[in-house]
């Protein structure tokens, strides 16, 4: 083990613009699935905008927030979505590092993080005096236990993926830990140290089936700024501030999360004053209306969440790259941005990476060409033999079900417009609005790509972490489920696998960018899925109740940083 030639680790190896929870899908893009006077343009904006006057008050006794789904008891095995599930989970728990407002990981539970010269060993010193909600001290043993627990109990936990490649963890003192990797992983600080919640050994050691466990109030213990004191399934949560939080007492004493069936219900509650903030992006057409109300402010900014068109890439005819390319060429992404999002989004890049990402390859071209798409399908032999407007493949009409979650109006509208566009090239997409659980189970069964998939076409999306760490492109493309843990389309390419395997261990920034450039070119050619757009974040809040919101670059306001005093933020 190399103990010499260490460097202090304060920023990631690569410049990163943002980060968030699991890539996951959900009501917002990603869950098991996010100041100037003008709103951002369709090509993005460098900073969030604040469209209201507001008082900007920095404290509150009680804050009522709208959410649109039940997240269980918010423990790391049973919360549901990437957004807002992970964000809410991390009000209760802390990670060793914390993303700051620039999207960069900074020491948090750790007072310092050092890496060995070979990149294999991370030496971590914990902040002294941190306690769990029940008063027990946080120790190095808890960190070691967390790593071992997630890696030996991986069922239904995304954190097992974050810790993939950890060879071992050892407590070298009461507040000192060494984590050893099997191979260098330049993404480890962002993907693991700033993402994995540290859990208490004295509580979790007795939990043998974590994927089935729902914690009672007394055992739902973290170190975070809040603790759940009341949970009513499918109705609400009450979180009380931790006055002894090691970074300082939270600015809001109590947070009440009120669940609504869909985003329309959440917006109605905001309009009526039933809630003080919506923990989700508000519909574009509501921005001006809400912002005109006295005391209501709208914070907007570019985010790295995304709206996607997925298909089973192993299922004919989607296993033919010509079909995938024709579908991509037939979709007018700017029309989606203008029509559905009223300009408050960035058109999707065929190479996947957001144009504002430092990893973006500017040489990628995203083409809208209906005539060219039809010619491509003609050349590939997909014809409309009976003249009904629908092409055929293998003697069957190119008519497919397009599933989308019923509670997400923007995604539903996008699906309907995409379906209309595909008719111009003889492909019929029949939009089916389904319950979120059904949608998730068909596209990502049990959140494990090794379980395959059960859909033809599907609207989908990932939350900000998939863009925060550019190397996450590997999780979306690699054919090995342990590496391609987000490859919900079943895409497979030996060339992609080889590039991703190189990227996983390459530590030189220039060499990494070269690999990322190659992968983006391959992505644009092969189209494992179609990136439609990247919605801007737009959050409404009542500034007369609380106005201390912190917009994390590319990620939005739903974070513990928003509920802490400014001097407690990294």
Protein backbone atom coordinates (compact mmCIF):
# COMPACT_ATOMS: atom_id res chain seq x y z
CA UNK A 1 0.00 0.00 0.00
CA UNK A 2 1.54 3.26 -1.12
CA UNK A 3 1.73 5.72 1.79
CA UNK A 4 4.04 8.28 0.21
CA UNK A 5 3.68 10.90 -2.52
CA UNK A 6 0.12 11.70 -1.48
CA UNK A 7 -1.85 14.71 -2.62
CA UNK A 8 -4.73 16.45 -0.84
CA UNK A 9 -8.01 15.89 -2.68
CA UNK A 10 -10.29 18.90 -2.69
CA UNK A 11 -11.59 18.96 -6.27
CA UNK A 12 -12.23 16.21 -8.82
CA UNK A 13 -9.58 15.13 -11.28
CA UNK A 14 -11.74 16.43 -14.13
CA UNK A 15 -13.57 19.78 -14.08
CA UNK A 16 -17.21 18.93 -13.50
CA UNK A 17 -20.13 21.28 -13.75
CA UNK A 18 -22.65 19.48 -11.54
CA UNK A 19 -23.72 16.39 -9.68
CA UNK A 20 -26.70 14.65 -8.12
CA UNK A 21 -28.13 11.40 -6.99
CA UNK A 22 -28.56 8.39 -8.70
CA UNK A 23 -29.02 8.38 -11.91
CA UNK A 24 -32.38 7.14 -11.58
CA UNK A 25 -35.69 7.48 -13.15
CA UNK A 26 -38.75 9.05 -11.67
CA UNK A 27 -41.35 11.76 -11.86
CA UNK A 28 -38.47 14.04 -12.73
CA UNK A 29 -35.97 12.79 -15.24
CA UNK A 30 -34.03 10.27 -13.28
CA UNK A 31 -35.51 8.05 -10.77
CA UNK A 32 -35.24 4.50 -10.15
CA UNK A 33 -35.67 8.16 -12.50
CA UNK A 34 -33.44 18.70 -10.27
CA UNK A 35 -29.66 35.87 -10.81
CA UNK A 36 -30.83 37.48 -13.96
CA UNK A 37 -34.13 39.02 -14.99
CA UNK A 38 -34.62 36.93 -18.12
CA UNK A 39 -35.29 33.17 -18.24
CA UNK A 40 -32.61 31.00 -19.84
CA UNK A 41 -32.76 30.54 -23.57
CA UNK A 42 -33.25 27.24 -25.36
CA UNK A 43 -29.49 26.88 -25.59
CA UNK A 44 -29.03 27.08 -21.85
CA UNK A 45 -27.95 29.70 -19.35
CA UNK A 46 -24.76 30.09 -17.38
CA UNK A 47 -26.49 30.93 -14.12
CA UNK A 48 -29.88 30.48 -12.48
CA UNK A 49 -32.33 33.33 -12.81
CA UNK A 50 -34.65 34.72 -10.14
CA UNK A 51 -37.82 36.18 -11.66
CA UNK A 52 -39.44 37.53 -8.49
CA UNK A 53 -38.92 40.44 -6.14
CA UNK A 54 -39.17 38.49 -2.85
CA UNK A 55 -37.84 39.29 0.59
CA UNK A 56 -35.22 36.53 0.60
CA UNK A 57 -35.83 35.71 4.26
CA UNK A 58 -33.24 33.19 5.46
CA UNK A 59 -35.10 31.45 8.32
CA UNK A 60 -38.46 29.78 8.84
CA UNK A 61 -40.27 27.89 11.57
CA UNK A 62 -42.16 25.57 9.19
CA UNK A 63 -41.82 25.03 5.47
CA UNK A 64 -44.39 23.05 3.50
CA UNK A 65 -43.10 21.46 0.29
CA UNK A 66 -45.03 19.64 -2.44
CA UNK A 67 -43.79 16.28 -3.76
CA UNK A 68 -45.48 13.96 -6.25
CA UNK A 69 -44.61 10.47 -5.04
CA UNK A 70 -44.12 8.32 -1.98
CA UNK A 71 -40.49 7.56 -1.16
CA UNK A 72 -41.03 5.01 1.60
CA UNK A 73 -39.35 5.82 4.89
CA UNK A 74 -36.38 7.41 3.14
CA UNK A 75 -33.75 4.88 4.05
CA UNK A 76 -31.06 4.07 1.49
CA UNK A 77 -32.71 0.82 0.44
CA UNK A 78 -36.36 1.76 0.18
CA UNK A 79 -36.53 5.29 -1.17
CA UNK A 80 -37.93 5.20 -4.71
CA UNK A 81 -36.70 7.85 -7.13
CA UNK A 82 -33.47 9.60 -7.95
CA UNK A 83 -35.30 12.90 -7.81
CA UNK A 84 -36.53 13.91 -5.34
CA UNK A 85 -35.98 10.65 -3.44
CA UNK A 86 -32.22 10.83 -3.11
CA UNK A 87 -32.33 14.57 -2.39
CA UNK A 88 -34.79 13.99 0.46
CA UNK A 89 -32.83 10.99 1.71
CA UNK A 90 -29.75 13.18 2.03
CA UNK A 91 -31.56 15.55 4.36
CA UNK A 92 -31.32 12.70 6.88
CA UNK A 93 -27.91 11.36 5.97
CA UNK A 94 -24.50 12.73 5.07
CA UNK A 95 -21.76 11.60 2.73
CA UNK A 96 -18.02 11.92 3.16
CA UNK A 97 -17.96 14.70 0.58
CA UNK A 98 -20.69 17.16 -0.41
CA UNK A 99 -21.43 18.81 -3.75
CA UNK A 100 -21.14 22.59 -3.51
CA UNK A 101 -23.17 25.13 -5.51
CA UNK A 102 -20.68 24.86 -8.38
CA UNK A 103 -21.29 21.11 -8.56
CA UNK A 104 -17.89 20.19 -7.16
CA UNK A 105 -17.31 17.71 -4.29
CA UNK A 106 -15.91 19.17 -1.08
CA UNK A 107 -15.05 17.44 2.25
CA UNK A 108 -18.14 17.16 4.47
CA UNK A 109 -18.20 14.35 7.03
CA UNK A 110 -14.55 14.13 6.08
CA UNK A 111 -12.27 16.90 7.26
CA UNK A 112 -9.72 15.87 4.64
CA UNK A 113 -9.39 13.38 1.79
CA UNK A 114 -6.00 12.33 0.42
CA UNK A 115 -5.22 10.00 -2.46
CA UNK A 116 -2.09 7.99 -3.07
CA UNK A 117 -0.01 8.79 -6.11
CA UNK A 118 -1.18 5.63 -7.86
CA UNK A 119 -4.83 6.53 -7.20
CA UNK A 120 -5.57 3.29 -5.37
CA UNK A 121 -5.76 4.44 -1.75
CA UNK A 122 -8.00 7.15 -0.24
CA UNK A 123 -7.03 8.24 3.26
CA UNK A 124 -9.88 10.02 5.02
CA UNK A 125 -10.00 11.93 8.29
CA UNK A 126 -13.49 12.46 9.72
CA UNK A 127 -14.72 15.61 11.38
CA UNK A 128 -14.46 14.99 15.11
CA UNK A 129 -17.49 15.19 17.37
CA UNK A 130 -20.17 14.27 14.81
CA UNK A 131 -23.05 12.34 16.37
CA UNK A 132 -25.94 10.30 15.02
CA UNK A 133 -29.48 11.50 15.67
CA UNK A 134 -29.66 9.18 18.71
CA UNK A 135 -26.54 10.71 20.25
CA UNK A 136 -24.11 7.91 19.40
CA UNK A 137 -20.78 9.14 17.97
CA UNK A 138 -19.89 8.73 14.31
CA UNK A 139 -16.66 6.71 14.01
CA UNK A 140 -14.43 5.27 11.33
CA UNK A 141 -16.05 1.91 12.01
CA UNK A 142 -19.36 3.29 10.70
CA UNK A 143 -17.69 4.25 7.42
CA UNK A 144 -16.11 0.82 7.04
CA UNK A 145 -19.42 -0.83 7.92
CA UNK A 146 -21.28 1.27 5.34
CA UNK A 147 -18.93 0.28 2.54
CA UNK A 148 -19.03 -3.40 3.47
CA UNK A 149 -22.80 -3.37 3.96
CA UNK A 150 -23.60 -1.88 0.57
CA UNK A 151 -21.13 -4.09 -1.27
CA UNK A 152 -22.28 -7.32 0.40
CA UNK A 153 -26.02 -6.49 0.37
CA UNK A 154 -26.36 -5.04 -3.14
CA UNK A 155 -29.99 -5.96 -3.84
CA UNK A 156 -32.05 -2.88 -4.72
CA UNK A 157 -29.27 -0.47 -3.71
CA UNK A 158 -27.72 1.91 -6.18
CA UNK A 159 -24.90 2.54 -3.73
CA UNK A 160 -23.45 -0.89 -4.47
CA UNK A 161 -22.79 0.42 -7.98
CA UNK A 162 -21.10 3.54 -6.62
CA UNK A 163 -18.73 1.35 -4.60
CA UNK A 164 -17.98 -1.08 -7.41
CA UNK A 165 -14.22 -1.60 -7.51
CA UNK A 166 -13.59 -1.09 -3.78
CA UNK A 167 -11.17 -3.77 -2.69
CA UNK A 168 -11.37 -3.01 1.01
CA UNK A 169 -11.86 -0.42 3.75
CA UNK A 170 -10.02 -0.22 7.06
CA UNK A 171 -10.38 1.94 10.15
CA UNK A 172 -6.87 3.16 10.94
CA UNK A 173 -8.02 5.19 13.96
CA UNK A 174 -11.19 6.35 15.67
CA UNK A 175 -11.80 8.92 12.94
CA UNK A 176 -9.39 7.69 10.24
CA UNK A 177 -10.26 5.43 7.31
CA UNK A 178 -8.40 4.02 4.34
CA UNK A 179 -10.31 2.86 1.27
CA UNK A 180 -8.42 0.76 -1.28
CA UNK A 181 -9.53 0.35 -4.88
CA UNK A 182 -8.73 -2.57 -7.14
CA UNK A 183 -7.90 -0.13 -9.94
CA UNK A 184 -7.68 3.66 -10.21
CA UNK A 185 -11.08 5.31 -10.61
CA UNK A 186 -10.93 9.07 -11.21
CA UNK A 187 -14.71 9.27 -10.73
CA UNK A 188 -14.62 7.74 -7.24
CA UNK A 189 -14.75 11.00 -5.23
CA UNK A 190 -17.80 12.24 -7.11
CA UNK A 191 -19.59 8.94 -7.65
CA UNK A 192 -18.92 7.42 -4.22
CA UNK A 193 -17.53 9.80 -1.63
CA UNK A 194 -20.02 12.55 -2.51
CA UNK A 195 -22.95 10.22 -3.13
CA UNK A 196 -23.03 7.30 -0.67
CA UNK A 197 -24.85 8.00 2.63
CA UNK A 198 -22.92 6.87 5.68
CA UNK A 199 -25.14 4.65 7.84
CA UNK A 200 -24.83 3.74 11.56
CA UNK A 201 -23.47 0.29 12.32
CA UNK A 202 -25.31 0.09 15.65
CA UNK A 203 -28.66 0.33 13.78
CA UNK A 204 -28.03 -1.44 10.49
CA UNK A 205 -26.02 -4.41 11.76
CA UNK A 206 -29.29 -6.10 12.72
CA UNK A 207 -30.99 -5.46 9.35
CA UNK A 208 -30.52 -8.62 7.29
CA UNK A 209 -33.06 -7.92 4.52
CA UNK A 210 -32.60 -4.20 3.84
CA UNK A 211 -34.53 -4.23 0.56
CA UNK A 212 -37.66 -5.24 2.49
CA UNK A 213 -37.13 -3.12 5.58
CA UNK A 214 -39.14 -0.05 6.53
CA UNK A 215 -37.61 1.72 9.51
CA UNK A 216 -39.66 2.84 12.46
CA UNK A 217 -39.14 6.42 13.58
CA UNK A 218 -36.82 5.54 16.44
CA UNK A 219 -34.42 3.58 14.23
CA UNK A 220 -34.37 5.93 11.22
CA UNK A 221 -31.07 7.42 12.29
CA UNK A 222 -28.58 9.49 10.31
CA UNK A 223 -26.20 12.37 10.93
CA UNK A 224 -27.99 14.83 8.63
CA UNK A 225 -29.59 18.20 9.31
CA UNK A 226 -33.08 16.64 9.51
CA UNK A 227 -34.79 13.58 10.90
CA UNK A 228 -38.17 12.12 10.00
CA UNK A 229 -40.52 12.31 12.97
CA UNK A 230 -43.75 11.38 11.19
CA UNK A 231 -44.56 9.51 7.99
CA UNK A 232 -48.01 8.84 6.56
CA UNK A 233 -47.77 6.57 3.52
CA UNK A 234 -48.90 8.29 0.32
CA UNK A 235 -49.72 11.45 2.26
CA UNK A 236 -46.93 13.31 4.01
CA UNK A 237 -43.64 13.44 5.91
CA UNK A 238 -42.58 15.63 8.80
CA UNK A 239 -38.87 16.31 9.20
CA UNK A 240 -37.55 18.13 12.24
CA UNK A 241 -34.28 20.02 12.29
CA UNK A 242 -31.27 18.56 14.06
CA UNK A 243 -30.24 21.43 16.37
CA UNK A 244 -26.88 19.75 17.02
CA UNK A 245 -25.98 19.36 13.37
CA UNK A 246 -22.22 19.49 13.09
CA UNK A 247 -22.27 22.09 10.30
CA UNK A 248 -24.66 24.35 12.22
CA UNK A 249 -28.36 24.38 13.06
CA UNK A 250 -30.60 24.37 9.95
CA UNK A 251 -32.31 27.60 8.92
CA UNK A 252 -35.74 25.91 8.81
CA UNK A 253 -37.00 24.27 12.00
CA UNK A 254 -39.50 21.90 10.40
CA UNK A 255 -40.07 20.67 6.84
CA UNK A 256 -43.43 19.10 5.97
CA UNK A 257 -43.53 17.20 2.68
CA UNK A 258 -47.05 16.95 1.27
CA UNK A 259 -47.66 14.35 -1.43
CA UNK A 260 -49.81 15.03 -4.50
CA UNK A 261 -50.89 12.68 -7.25
CA UNK A 262 -49.23 14.68 -10.01
CA UNK A 263 -47.52 17.94 -10.86
CA UNK A 264 -50.88 19.63 -11.58
CA UNK A 265 -51.98 18.99 -8.01
CA UNK A 266 -48.71 20.35 -6.66
CA UNK A 267 -49.08 23.52 -8.71
CA UNK A 268 -52.66 24.00 -7.57
CA UNK A 269 -51.46 23.75 -3.97
CA UNK A 270 -48.80 26.35 -4.67
CA UNK A 271 -51.39 28.66 -6.20
CA UNK A 272 -53.71 28.30 -3.21
CA UNK A 273 -50.96 28.76 -0.61
CA UNK A 274 -51.29 25.22 0.71
CA UNK A 275 -47.55 24.72 0.17
CA UNK A 276 -44.63 27.15 0.22
CA UNK A 277 -42.43 25.48 -2.40
CA UNK A 278 -42.70 22.79 -5.06
CA UNK A 279 -39.95 20.18 -4.95
CA UNK A 280 -40.07 19.62 -8.67
CA UNK A 281 -39.83 21.55 -11.89
CA UNK A 282 -42.93 23.61 -12.57
CA UNK A 283 -44.60 23.55 -15.97
CA UNK A 284 -43.27 26.24 -18.34
CA UNK A 285 -46.69 27.79 -18.89
CA UNK A 286 -47.00 28.35 -15.13
CA UNK A 287 -43.75 30.30 -14.73
CA UNK A 288 -45.10 33.74 -15.64
CA UNK A 289 -48.43 33.17 -13.87
CA UNK A 290 -46.86 32.08 -10.60
CA UNK A 291 -44.11 34.70 -10.77
CA UNK A 292 -46.76 37.43 -11.03
CA UNK A 293 -48.23 36.52 -7.64
CA UNK A 294 -47.16 38.62 -4.69
CA UNK A 295 -44.38 36.95 -2.73
CA UNK A 296 -43.88 34.09 -5.21
CA UNK A 297 -40.47 33.82 -6.79
CA UNK A 298 -39.28 31.54 -9.58
CA UNK A 299 -35.69 30.37 -9.69
CA UNK A 300 -34.61 29.04 -13.08
CA UNK A 301 -31.40 27.63 -14.47
CA UNK A 302 -29.99 24.96 -16.79
CA UNK A 303 -30.00 21.43 -15.43
CA UNK A 304 -28.43 18.21 -16.57
CA UNK A 305 -31.60 16.17 -16.24
CA UNK A 306 -32.88 14.90 -19.55
CA UNK A 307 -35.86 13.65 -21.53
CA UNK A 308 -35.13 10.55 -23.63
CA UNK A 309 -36.79 8.25 -26.12
CA UNK A 310 -35.81 4.69 -25.24
CA UNK A 311 -36.31 1.46 -27.15
CA UNK A 312 -35.32 -2.13 -26.59
CA UNK A 313 -32.16 -2.10 -28.70
CA UNK A 314 -32.13 -5.91 -28.83
CA UNK A 315 -35.66 -6.10 -30.22
CA UNK A 316 -36.31 -5.91 -33.99
CA UNK A 317 -36.43 -3.47 -35.65
CA UNK A 318 -34.67 -1.34 -33.02
CA UNK A 319 -31.66 -3.65 -33.20
CA UNK A 320 -31.03 -2.09 -36.64
CA UNK A 321 -28.98 1.08 -36.29
CA UNK A 322 -30.59 2.44 -39.47
CA UNK A 323 -33.98 2.48 -37.73
CA UNK A 324 -32.53 4.22 -34.68
CA UNK A 325 -30.80 6.80 -36.85
CA UNK A 326 -33.95 7.46 -38.89
CA UNK A 327 -36.00 7.96 -35.73
CA UNK A 328 -33.45 10.43 -34.37
CA UNK A 329 -33.40 12.35 -37.68
CA UNK A 330 -37.22 12.53 -37.71
CA UNK A 331 -37.45 14.25 -34.32
CA UNK A 332 -37.37 18.03 -34.30
CA UNK A 333 -35.81 18.64 -30.90
CA UNK A 334 -36.13 22.41 -31.14
CA UNK A 335 -39.86 21.98 -31.76
CA UNK A 336 -40.11 19.91 -28.57
CA UNK A 337 -38.27 22.63 -26.65
CA UNK A 338 -40.47 25.40 -28.06
CA UNK A 339 -43.82 23.61 -28.01
CA UNK A 340 -43.71 21.59 -24.80
CA UNK A 341 -41.21 23.54 -22.70
CA UNK A 342 -41.91 27.00 -24.16
CA UNK A 343 -38.19 27.53 -24.75
CA UNK A 344 -37.07 26.64 -21.21
CA UNK A 345 -34.89 23.68 -22.21
CA UNK A 346 -31.82 22.84 -24.27
CA UNK A 347 -32.29 20.66 -27.37
CA UNK A 348 -30.85 17.17 -26.99
CA UNK A 349 -27.43 16.28 -28.33
CA UNK A 350 -27.21 13.09 -30.40
CA UNK A 351 -23.96 12.37 -28.58
CA UNK A 352 -25.74 12.46 -25.19
CA UNK A 353 -23.57 15.02 -23.35
CA UNK A 354 -25.11 18.39 -22.41
CA UNK A 355 -23.57 21.30 -24.36
CA UNK A 356 -22.77 23.06 -21.07
CA UNK A 357 -20.75 20.09 -19.78
CA UNK A 358 -16.97 20.53 -19.83
CA UNK A 359 -16.81 17.08 -21.43
CA UNK A 360 -19.00 18.05 -24.41
CA UNK A 361 -17.62 17.22 -27.85
CA UNK A 362 -18.51 20.21 -30.08
CA UNK A 363 -17.85 18.20 -33.24
CA UNK A 364 -21.04 16.17 -32.73
CA UNK A 365 -23.83 17.09 -35.13
CA UNK A 366 -27.49 16.50 -34.31
CA UNK A 367 -29.48 16.29 -37.53
CA UNK A 368 -33.17 16.94 -38.18
CA UNK A 369 -33.92 15.67 -41.68
CA UNK A 370 -37.24 13.93 -42.34
CA UNK A 371 -36.49 13.41 -46.04
CA UNK A 372 -33.13 11.88 -45.19
CA UNK A 373 -34.73 9.66 -42.54
CA UNK A 374 -37.23 8.31 -45.05
CA UNK A 375 -34.46 7.67 -47.56
CA UNK A 376 -32.49 5.80 -44.91
CA UNK A 377 -35.43 3.51 -44.13
CA UNK A 378 -36.14 2.97 -47.83
CA UNK A 379 -32.54 1.94 -48.39
CA UNK A 380 -32.68 -0.42 -45.40
CA UNK A 381 -35.71 -2.17 -46.90
CA UNK A 382 -38.46 -0.90 -44.60
CA UNK A 383 -41.35 -0.21 -46.98
CA UNK A 384 -45.06 0.53 -46.76
CA UNK A 385 -46.34 -2.25 -49.01
CA UNK A 386 -50.06 -1.70 -48.39
CA UNK A 387 -50.05 2.10 -48.51
CA UNK A 388 -51.55 2.59 -45.04
CA UNK A 389 -48.81 5.01 -44.02
CA UNK A 390 -47.04 2.51 -41.77
CA UNK A 391 -43.89 0.74 -42.89
CA UNK A 392 -43.37 -2.98 -42.30
CA UNK A 393 -40.58 -5.16 -40.93
CA UNK A 394 -40.53 -8.95 -41.02
CA UNK A 395 -44.09 -8.85 -42.37
CA UNK A 396 -45.35 -6.78 -39.42
CA UNK A 397 -46.36 -3.11 -39.27
CA UNK A 398 -43.88 -0.78 -37.60
CA UNK A 399 -46.44 0.02 -34.92
CA UNK A 400 -45.29 0.07 -31.30
CA UNK A 401 -46.49 0.99 -27.82
CA UNK A 402 -44.81 4.07 -26.36
CA UNK A 403 -45.13 4.03 -22.56
CA UNK A 404 -44.89 7.14 -20.44
CA UNK A 405 -45.80 7.90 -16.79
CA UNK A 406 -49.32 9.24 -16.38
CA UNK A 407 -48.37 11.67 -13.61
CA UNK A 408 -45.82 13.62 -15.67
CA UNK A 409 -47.67 16.00 -17.99
CA UNK A 410 -44.56 17.32 -19.73
CA UNK A 411 -43.33 13.84 -20.53
CA UNK A 412 -46.78 12.87 -21.78
CA UNK A 413 -46.95 15.92 -24.06
CA UNK A 414 -43.46 15.16 -25.33
CA UNK A 415 -44.47 11.57 -26.09
CA UNK A 416 -47.49 12.72 -28.09
CA UNK A 417 -45.43 15.16 -30.13
CA UNK A 418 -42.68 12.58 -30.76
CA UNK A 419 -45.35 10.12 -31.91
CA UNK A 420 -46.63 12.70 -34.40
CA UNK A 421 -43.11 13.27 -35.73
CA UNK A 422 -42.50 9.55 -36.22
CA UNK A 423 -45.59 9.23 -38.40
CA UNK A 424 -43.73 11.33 -40.98
CA UNK A 425 -41.35 8.41 -41.52
CA UNK A 426 -43.94 5.65 -41.41
CA UNK A 427 -43.46 4.58 -37.79
CA UNK A 428 -46.53 4.46 -35.56
CA UNK A 429 -45.99 5.08 -31.84
CA UNK A 430 -49.10 4.48 -29.75
CA UNK A 431 -48.77 6.50 -26.54
CA UNK A 432 -49.83 4.63 -23.39
CA UNK A 433 -49.89 6.59 -20.12
CA UNK A 434 -49.27 4.14 -17.27
CA UNK A 435 -48.69 4.25 -13.52
CA UNK A 436 -45.13 5.12 -12.57
CA UNK A 437 -44.52 1.73 -10.95
CA UNK A 438 -45.64 -0.02 -14.15
CA UNK A 439 -43.45 2.24 -16.27
CA UNK A 440 -40.40 1.56 -14.11
CA UNK A 441 -41.04 -2.19 -13.96
CA UNK A 442 -41.21 -2.46 -17.75
CA UNK A 443 -38.13 -0.37 -18.53
CA UNK A 444 -35.94 -1.12 -15.49
CA UNK A 445 -37.28 -4.25 -13.71
CA UNK A 446 -36.32 -4.13 -10.03
CA UNK A 447 -33.79 -1.44 -11.02
CA UNK A 448 -31.40 -4.11 -12.27
CA UNK A 449 -30.55 -4.18 -15.98
CA UNK A 450 -29.57 -7.83 -15.63
CA UNK A 451 -33.33 -8.52 -15.40
CA UNK A 452 -33.79 -7.38 -19.00
CA UNK A 453 -36.71 -5.21 -20.08
CA UNK A 454 -40.32 -5.48 -21.22
CA UNK A 455 -41.14 -2.59 -23.53
CA UNK A 456 -40.89 -1.47 -27.16
CA UNK A 457 -40.68 2.33 -26.86
CA UNK A 458 -40.59 4.35 -23.67
CA UNK A 459 -40.15 7.92 -22.53
CA UNK A 460 -37.39 8.01 -19.94
CA UNK A 461 -34.90 10.28 -18.25
CA UNK A 462 -31.96 10.39 -15.87
CA UNK A 463 -31.21 12.81 -13.10
CA UNK A 464 -28.24 15.15 -13.01
CA UNK A 465 -25.50 12.72 -11.85
CA UNK A 466 -25.43 11.05 -15.23
CA UNK A 467 -24.11 14.32 -16.63
CA UNK A 468 -22.23 15.40 -13.52
CA UNK A 469 -19.68 12.66 -14.01
CA UNK A 470 -18.91 12.42 -17.74
CA UNK A 471 -17.67 8.86 -17.23
CA UNK A 472 -21.27 7.84 -16.50
CA UNK A 473 -21.67 7.49 -20.25
CA UNK A 474 -20.15 4.07 -19.61
CA UNK A 475 -22.97 3.07 -17.29
CA UNK A 476 -25.43 3.89 -20.09
CA UNK A 477 -23.61 1.94 -22.83
CA UNK A 478 -21.54 -0.97 -21.49
CA UNK A 479 -22.92 -4.44 -22.18
CA UNK A 480 -21.77 -5.87 -18.82
CA UNK A 481 -24.60 -5.14 -16.34
CA UNK A 482 -22.12 -4.62 -13.51
CA UNK A 483 -20.55 -1.76 -15.49
CA UNK A 484 -23.47 -0.74 -17.69
CA UNK A 485 -25.77 -0.53 -14.69
CA UNK A 486 -27.97 2.10 -16.39
CA UNK A 487 -28.09 0.41 -19.79
CA UNK A 488 -31.86 -0.02 -19.81
CA UNK A 489 -32.04 -0.35 -23.60
CA UNK A 490 -29.81 -3.43 -23.80
CA UNK A 491 -27.38 -1.75 -26.23
CA UNK A 492 -24.25 -3.76 -26.91
CA UNK A 493 -21.05 -2.85 -28.76
CA UNK A 494 -17.54 -4.33 -28.36
CA UNK A 495 -16.08 -1.01 -29.49
CA UNK A 496 -18.01 0.90 -26.83
CA UNK A 497 -17.07 -1.65 -24.17
CA UNK A 498 -13.38 -1.28 -25.02
CA UNK A 499 -13.45 2.53 -24.87
CA UNK A 500 -15.38 2.46 -21.59
CA UNK A 501 -12.95 -0.02 -20.04
CA UNK A 502 -10.12 2.35 -20.89
CA UNK A 503 -12.01 5.35 -19.52
CA UNK A 504 -12.68 3.68 -16.19
CA UNK A 505 -9.00 3.66 -15.23
CA UNK A 506 -7.46 6.47 -17.27
CA UNK A 507 -6.34 9.23 -14.92
CA UNK A 508 -4.83 11.73 -17.34
CA UNK A 509 -7.41 14.49 -18.02
CA UNK A 510 -6.43 14.96 -21.66
CA UNK A 511 -6.48 11.23 -22.38
CA UNK A 512 -9.85 10.92 -20.63
CA UNK A 513 -11.31 13.69 -22.76
CA UNK A 514 -10.03 11.98 -25.91
CA UNK A 515 -11.85 8.81 -24.84
CA UNK A 516 -14.99 10.77 -24.00
CA UNK A 517 -14.87 12.44 -27.42
CA UNK A 518 -14.65 9.03 -29.10
CA UNK A 519 -17.52 7.68 -27.04
CA UNK A 520 -19.74 10.64 -27.89
CA UNK A 521 -19.03 10.14 -31.60
CA UNK A 522 -19.88 6.45 -31.26
CA UNK A 523 -23.01 7.29 -29.27
CA UNK A 524 -24.22 9.68 -31.98
CA UNK A 525 -23.64 7.01 -34.63
CA UNK A 526 -25.08 4.05 -32.73
CA UNK A 527 -27.79 5.83 -30.69
CA UNK A 528 -28.27 3.51 -27.69
CA UNK A 529 -31.24 5.83 -27.08
CA UNK A 530 -32.35 9.23 -28.36
CA UNK A 531 -31.69 12.31 -26.24
CA UNK A 532 -34.61 14.67 -26.80
CA UNK A 533 -33.78 17.63 -24.58
CA UNK A 534 -32.46 18.84 -21.22
CA UNK A 535 -35.16 20.72 -19.26
CA UNK A 536 -34.16 23.83 -17.37
CA UNK A 537 -34.91 23.77 -13.69
CA UNK A 538 -37.77 26.06 -12.65
CA UNK A 539 -38.73 26.14 -8.97
CA UNK A 540 -41.49 28.19 -7.36
CA UNK A 541 -41.37 29.28 -3.73
CA UNK A 542 -43.06 31.73 -1.40
CA UNK A 543 -40.32 34.14 -0.38
CA UNK A 544 -42.44 35.52 2.47
CA UNK A 545 -42.05 32.13 4.16
CA UNK A 546 -38.47 31.26 3.24
CA UNK A 547 -36.05 32.58 0.63
CA UNK A 548 -32.69 31.02 1.43
CA UNK A 549 -32.59 28.64 -1.53
CA UNK A 550 -29.24 27.62 -3.01
CA UNK A 551 -29.21 26.61 -6.69
CA UNK A 552 -26.66 23.87 -7.25
CA UNK A 553 -25.22 24.11 -10.74
CA UNK A 554 -27.06 21.76 -13.05
CA UNK A 555 -29.07 20.32 -10.19
CA UNK A 556 -31.51 22.80 -8.72
CA UNK A 557 -32.57 23.81 -5.22
CA UNK A 558 -33.67 20.55 -3.55
CA UNK A 559 -30.67 19.99 -1.32
CA UNK A 560 -29.59 20.24 2.29
CA UNK A 561 -27.55 23.29 1.25
CA UNK A 562 -30.80 25.19 0.66
CA UNK A 563 -31.89 24.60 4.25
CA UNK A 564 -28.61 25.52 5.92
CA UNK A 565 -27.37 29.05 6.69
CA UNK A 566 -25.04 30.38 3.97
CA UNK A 567 -22.01 30.21 6.27
CA UNK A 568 -22.60 26.47 6.78
CA UNK A 569 -22.40 25.70 3.06
CA UNK A 570 -19.16 24.52 1.40
